[in-house]
Amino acid sequence: MHQWDRKASFLKCLARLSFAFNQKKDYHLHYPK
């Protein structure tokens, strides 16, 4: 049970990271320097 908890929190963190990365990518696409 504890191991699955760790995996779930890891996946949640990964999703948050990829979401932030995509947000940044979209930002650069829409607002080029």
PDB file of N, CA and C in Angstrom:
ATOM      1  N   MET A   1       0.845  -1.202   0.000  1.00  0.00           N
ATOM      2  CA  MET A   1       0.000   0.000   0.000  1.00  0.00           C
ATOM      3  C   MET A   1       0.884   1.257   0.000  1.00  0.00           C
ATOM      4  N   HIS A   2       1.885   1.246   0.863  1.00  0.00           N
ATOM      5  CA  HIS A   2       2.748   2.420   0.956  1.00  0.00           C
ATOM      6  C   HIS A   2       3.488   2.655  -0.366  1.00  0.00           C
ATOM      7  N   GLN A   3       3.916   1.555  -1.000  1.00  0.00           N
ATOM      8  CA  GLN A   3       4.651   1.687  -2.255  1.00  0.00           C
ATOM      9  C   GLN A   3       3.755   2.319  -3.318  1.00  0.00           C
ATOM     10  N   TRP A   4       2.495   1.895  -3.354  1.00  0.00           N
ATOM     11  CA  TRP A   4       1.577   2.450  -4.346  1.00  0.00           C
ATOM     12  C   TRP A   4       1.351   3.935  -4.069  1.00  0.00           C
ATOM     13  N   ASP A   5       1.324   4.303  -2.782  1.00  0.00           N
ATOM     14  CA  ASP A   5       1.153   5.711  -2.423  1.00  0.00           C
ATOM     15  C   ASP A   5       2.283   6.535  -3.014  1.00  0.00           C
ATOM     16  N   ARG A   6       3.503   6.018  -2.870  1.00  0.00           N
ATOM     17  CA  ARG A   6       4.664   6.746  -3.367  1.00  0.00           C
ATOM     18  C   ARG A   6       4.573   6.885  -4.888  1.00  0.00           C
ATOM     19  N   LYS A   7       4.160   5.797  -5.546  1.00  0.00           N
ATOM     20  CA  LYS A   7       4.057   5.832  -7.010  1.00  0.00           C
ATOM     21  C   LYS A   7       3.001   6.845  -7.436  1.00  0.00           C
ATOM     22  N   ALA A   8       1.899   6.892  -6.724  1.00  0.00           N
ATOM     23  CA  ALA A   8       0.810   7.812  -7.074  1.00  0.00           C
ATOM     24  C   ALA A   8       1.286   9.262  -6.926  1.00  0.00           C
ATOM     25  N   SER A   9       1.980   9.552  -5.829  1.00  0.00           N
ATOM     26  CA  SER A   9       2.446  10.925  -5.617  1.00  0.00           C
ATOM     27  C   SER A   9       3.491  11.281  -6.668  1.00  0.00           C
ATOM     28  N   PHE A  10       4.292  10.286  -7.076  1.00  0.00           N
ATOM     29  CA  PHE A  10       5.312  10.535  -8.104  1.00  0.00           C
ATOM     30  C   PHE A  10       4.628  10.872  -9.425  1.00  0.00           C
ATOM     31  N   LEU A  11       3.580  10.118  -9.757  1.00  0.00           N
ATOM     32  CA  LEU A  11       2.863  10.369 -11.009  1.00  0.00           C
ATOM     33  C   LEU A  11       2.200  11.744 -10.972  1.00  0.00           C
ATOM     34  N   LYS A  12       1.691  12.107  -9.809  1.00  0.00           N
ATOM     35  CA  LYS A  12       1.044  13.408  -9.668  1.00  0.00           C
ATOM     36  C   LYS A  12       2.064  14.524  -9.901  1.00  0.00           C
ATOM     37  N   CYS A  13       3.247  14.345  -9.325  1.00  0.00           N
ATOM     38  CA  CYS A  13       4.314  15.335  -9.482  1.00  0.00           C
ATOM     39  C   CYS A  13       4.724  15.404 -10.949  1.00  0.00           C
ATOM     40  N   LEU A  14       4.834  14.244 -11.587  1.00  0.00           N
ATOM     41  CA  LEU A  14       5.236  14.195 -12.987  1.00  0.00           C
ATOM     42  C   LEU A  14       4.212  14.924 -13.856  1.00  0.00           C
ATOM     43  N   ALA A  15       2.938  14.701 -13.568  1.00  0.00           N
ATOM     44  CA  ALA A  15       1.887  15.353 -14.349  1.00  0.00           C
ATOM     45  C   ALA A  15       1.973  16.865 -14.185  1.00  0.00           C
ATOM     46  N   ARG A  16       2.231  17.308 -12.953  1.00  0.00           N
ATOM     47  CA  ARG A  16       2.330  18.749 -12.698  1.00  0.00           C
ATOM     48  C   ARG A  16       3.511  19.333 -13.476  1.00  0.00           C
ATOM     49  N   LEU A  17       4.627  18.585 -13.485  1.00  0.00           N
ATOM     50  CA  LEU A  17       5.818  19.059 -14.187  1.00  0.00           C
ATOM     51  C   LEU A  17       5.556  19.171 -15.681  1.00  0.00           C
ATOM     52  N   SER A  18       4.980  18.127 -16.245  1.00  0.00           N
ATOM     53  CA  SER A  18       4.731  18.138 -17.692  1.00  0.00           C
ATOM     54  C   SER A  18       3.719  19.239 -18.032  1.00  0.00           C
ATOM     55  N   PHE A  19       2.764  19.474 -17.148  1.00  0.00           N
ATOM     56  CA  PHE A  19       1.781  20.533 -17.382  1.00  0.00           C
ATOM     57  C   PHE A  19       2.478  21.895 -17.418  1.00  0.00           C
ATOM     58  N   ALA A  20       3.358  22.134 -16.445  1.00  0.00           N
ATOM     59  CA  ALA A  20       4.086  23.402 -16.396  1.00  0.00           C
ATOM     60  C   ALA A  20       4.963  23.544 -17.636  1.00  0.00           C
ATOM     61  N   PHE A  21       5.583  22.435 -18.048  1.00  0.00           N
ATOM     62  CA  PHE A  21       6.454  22.474 -19.226  1.00  0.00           C
ATOM     63  C   PHE A  21       5.644  22.837 -20.459  1.00  0.00           C
ATOM     64  N   ASN A  22       4.468  22.240 -20.605  1.00  0.00           N
ATOM     65  CA  ASN A  22       3.623  22.535 -21.763  1.00  0.00           C
ATOM     66  C   ASN A  22       3.137  23.978 -21.722  1.00  0.00           C
ATOM     67  N   GLN A  23       2.850  24.467 -20.526  1.00  0.00           N
ATOM     68  CA  GLN A  23       2.402  25.854 -20.394  1.00  0.00           C
ATOM     69  C   GLN A  23       3.513  26.785 -20.893  1.00  0.00           C
ATOM     70  N   LYS A  24       4.744  26.504 -20.484  1.00  0.00           N
ATOM     71  CA  LYS A  24       5.875  27.337 -20.862  1.00  0.00           C
ATOM     72  C   LYS A  24       6.075  27.280 -22.374  1.00  0.00           C
ATOM     73  N   LYS A  25       5.937  26.065 -22.936  1.00  0.00           N
ATOM     74  CA  LYS A  25       6.120  25.890 -24.371  1.00  0.00           C
ATOM     75  C   LYS A  25       5.060  26.696 -25.126  1.00  0.00           C
ATOM     76  N   ASP A  26       3.812  26.584 -24.672  1.00  0.00           N
ATOM     77  CA  ASP A  26       2.723  27.330 -25.310  1.00  0.00           C
ATOM     78  C   ASP A  26       2.978  28.829 -25.207  1.00  0.00           C
ATOM     79  N   TYR A  27       3.468  29.259 -24.056  1.00  0.00           N
ATOM     80  CA  TYR A  27       3.731  30.682 -23.846  1.00  0.00           C
ATOM     81  C   TYR A  27       4.748  31.182 -24.865  1.00  0.00           C
ATOM     82  N   HIS A  28       5.810  30.408 -25.051  1.00  0.00           N
ATOM     83  CA  HIS A  28       6.848  30.822 -25.991  1.00  0.00           C
ATOM     84  C   HIS A  28       6.330  30.783 -27.434  1.00  0.00           C
ATOM     85  N   LEU A  29       5.405  29.852 -27.700  1.00  0.00           N
ATOM     86  CA  LEU A  29       4.845  29.768 -29.051  1.00  0.00           C
ATOM     87  C   LEU A  29       3.971  30.985 -29.339  1.00  0.00           C
ATOM     88  N   HIS A  30       3.173  31.375 -28.346  1.00  0.00           N
ATOM     89  CA  HIS A  30       2.228  32.471 -28.563  1.00  0.00           C
ATOM     90  C   HIS A  30       2.879  33.844 -28.413  1.00  0.00           C
ATOM     91  N   TYR A  31       3.925  33.902 -27.587  1.00  0.00           N
ATOM     92  CA  TYR A  31       4.570  35.197 -27.368  1.00  0.00           C
ATOM     93  C   TYR A  31       6.069  35.091 -27.651  1.00  0.00           C
ATOM     94  N   PRO A  32       6.447  35.001 -28.925  1.00  0.00           N
ATOM     95  CA  PRO A  32       7.877  34.914 -29.259  1.00  0.00           C
ATOM     96  C   PRO A  32       8.581  36.224 -28.933  1.00  0.00           C
ATOM     97  N   LYS A  33       9.817  36.125 -28.589  1.00  0.00           N
ATOM     98  CA  LYS A  33      10.567  37.347 -28.242  1.00  0.00           C
ATOM     99  C   LYS A  33      10.860  38.149 -29.514  1.00  0.00           C
TER     100      LYS A  33
END
